[in-house]
C-alpha atoms as a PDB file:
ATOM      1  CA  MET A   1      -0.162   0.017  -0.101  1.00  0.00           C
ATOM      2  CA  PRO A   2       1.316   3.515  -0.947  1.00  0.00           C
ATOM      3  CA  ASN A   3       2.693   5.474   1.909  1.00  0.00           C
ATOM      4  CA  THR A   4       1.598   9.090   2.299  1.00  0.00           C
ATOM      5  CA  ASN A   5       4.147  10.287   4.930  1.00  0.00           C
ATOM      6  CA  LEU A   6       7.203   9.477   6.634  1.00  0.00           C
ATOM      7  CA  LYS A   7       5.633   7.788   9.605  1.00  0.00           C
ATOM      8  CA  ASP A   8       3.878   5.384   7.298  1.00  0.00           C
ATOM      9  CA  LEU A   9       7.277   3.894   6.370  1.00  0.00           C
ATOM     10  CA  PRO A  10       8.250   0.346   7.746  1.00  0.00           C
ATOM     11  CA  GLN A  11       9.789   1.105  11.410  1.00  0.00           C
ATOM     12  CA  SER A  12      13.401  -0.458  10.234  1.00  0.00           C
ATOM     13  CA  VAL A  13      13.417   2.480   7.807  1.00  0.00           C
ATOM     14  CA  GLN A  14      12.469   5.021  10.201  1.00  0.00           C
ATOM     15  CA  ASP A  15      14.866   3.603  12.633  1.00  0.00           C
ATOM     16  CA  ASN A  16      17.987   3.498  10.325  1.00  0.00           C
ATOM     17  CA  LEU A  17      17.542   6.100   7.670  1.00  0.00           C
ATOM     18  CA  PRO A  18      18.166   9.772   7.891  1.00  0.00           C
ATOM     19  CA  GLU A  19      15.238  11.905   7.151  1.00  0.00           C
ATOM     20  CA  HIS A  20      16.303  12.990   3.585  1.00  0.00           C
ATOM     21  CA  ALA A  21      16.788   9.231   2.860  1.00  0.00           C
ATOM     22  CA  GLN A  22      13.509   8.393   4.117  1.00  0.00           C
ATOM     23  CA  GLU A  23      12.074  11.139   1.900  1.00  0.00           C
ATOM     24  CA  ILE A  24      13.757   9.413  -1.289  1.00  0.00           C
ATOM     25  CA  TYR A  25      12.468   6.039   0.025  1.00  0.00           C
ATOM     26  CA  LEU A  26       8.718   7.338   0.230  1.00  0.00           C
ATOM     27  CA  GLU A  27       8.836   8.914  -3.145  1.00  0.00           C
ATOM     28  CA  ALA A  28      10.644   5.733  -4.991  1.00  0.00           C
ATOM     29  CA  PHE A  29       8.257   3.469  -3.107  1.00  0.00           C
ATOM     30  CA  ASN A  30       4.985   5.132  -4.114  1.00  0.00           C
ATOM     31  CA  ASN A  31       6.277   5.647  -7.556  1.00  0.00           C
ATOM     32  CA  ALA A  32       7.153   1.888  -7.987  1.00  0.00           C
ATOM     33  CA  TRP A  33       3.860   0.914  -6.353  1.00  0.00           C
ATOM     34  CA  LYS A  34       2.067   2.479  -9.278  1.00  0.00           C
ATOM     35  CA  GLU A  35       4.528   1.472 -12.122  1.00  0.00           C
ATOM     36  CA  TYR A  36       4.450  -2.192 -10.841  1.00  0.00           C
ATOM     37  CA  ALA A  37       0.696  -2.431 -10.245  1.00  0.00           C
ATOM     38  CA  LYS A  38       0.287  -5.251 -12.858  1.00  0.00           C
ATOM     39  CA  PRO A  39       1.560  -8.818 -11.867  1.00  0.00           C
ATOM     40  CA  GLU A  40       3.343  -8.903 -15.598  1.00  0.00           C
ATOM     41  CA  ASP A  41       5.222  -5.971 -14.959  1.00  0.00           C
ATOM     42  CA  ARG A  42       7.101  -7.591 -12.012  1.00  0.00           C
ATOM     43  CA  ARG A  43       9.872 -10.113 -11.959  1.00  0.00           C
ATOM     44  CA  GLY A  44       9.938 -13.676 -10.686  1.00  0.00           C
ATOM     45  CA  GLY A  45       6.201 -13.403  -9.238  1.00  0.00           C
ATOM     46  CA  ALA A  46       7.122 -10.828  -6.577  1.00  0.00           C
ATOM     47  CA  SER A  47       4.430  -9.040  -5.014  1.00  0.00           C
ATOM     48  CA  GLN A  48       3.550  -5.309  -5.701  1.00  0.00           C
ATOM     49  CA  GLU A  49       4.831  -4.566  -2.229  1.00  0.00           C
ATOM     50  CA  GLU A  50       8.206  -6.197  -2.272  1.00  0.00           C
ATOM     51  CA  THR A  51       8.768  -4.815  -5.780  1.00  0.00           C
ATOM     52  CA  ALA A  52       8.175  -1.091  -4.510  1.00  0.00           C
ATOM     53  CA  HIS A  53      10.492  -1.915  -1.327  1.00  0.00           C
ATOM     54  CA  LYS A  54      13.198  -3.146  -3.784  1.00  0.00           C
ATOM     55  CA  VAL A  55      12.812  -0.169  -5.743  1.00  0.00           C
ATOM     56  CA  ALA A  56      12.873   2.140  -2.920  1.00  0.00           C
ATOM     57  CA  TRP A  57      15.904   0.733  -1.495  1.00  0.00           C
ATOM     58  CA  SER A  58      17.676   0.897  -4.710  1.00  0.00           C
ATOM     59  CA  ALA A  59      16.800   4.698  -4.965  1.00  0.00           C
ATOM     60  CA  VAL A  60      18.311   5.185  -1.382  1.00  0.00           C
ATOM     61  CA  LYS A  61      21.496   3.104  -2.259  1.00  0.00           C
ATOM     62  CA  LYS A  62      22.184   5.595  -5.115  1.00  0.00           C
ATOM     63  CA  ALA A  63      22.304   8.629  -2.742  1.00  0.00           C
ATOM     64  CA  TYR A  64      23.404   6.889   0.478  1.00  0.00           C
ATOM     65  CA  GLU A  65      25.697   4.108   1.654  1.00  0.00           C
ATOM     66  CA  LYS A  66      25.947   2.288   5.055  1.00  0.00           C
ATOM     67  CA  ASP A  67      28.962   3.214   7.094  1.00  0.00           C
ATOM     68  CA  GLU A  68      30.425  -0.530   8.000  1.00  0.00           C
ATOM     69  CA  LYS A  69      32.103   0.870  11.324  1.00  0.00           C
ATOM     70  CA  SER A  70      29.022   2.802  12.811  1.00  0.00           C
ATOM     71  CA  GLY A  71      26.120   1.164  11.212  1.00  0.00           C
ATOM     72  CA  GLU A  72      24.683   4.626  10.231  1.00  0.00           C
ATOM     73  CA  TRP A  73      23.441   5.468   6.643  1.00  0.00           C
ATOM     74  CA  LYS A  74      25.619   8.560   5.340  1.00  0.00           C
ATOM     75  CA  ARG A  75      25.130  10.640   2.026  1.00  0.00           C
ATOM     76  CA  LYS A  76      27.476   9.690  -0.594  1.00  0.00           C
ATOM     77  CA  LYS A  77      29.896  12.161  -1.701  1.00  0.00           C
ATOM     78  CA  HIS A  78      29.925  13.065  -5.387  1.00  0.00           C
END
């Protein structure tokens, strides 16, 4: 189900990602939810929700990376 605000995101996302990364996740999740509404548009029989979460994490990882020492997500330096 699409999320309307950051408080709707899974607790694991809220607890681990900085606010800006959560905003990226939210937007990507909602876009993917719409884009992959039809089962034939998804790979390997994945559910709409599973696909949307994968797309959202991919979007976050383009701008952020997890610091291996601290475990915190930090914005990538470009």
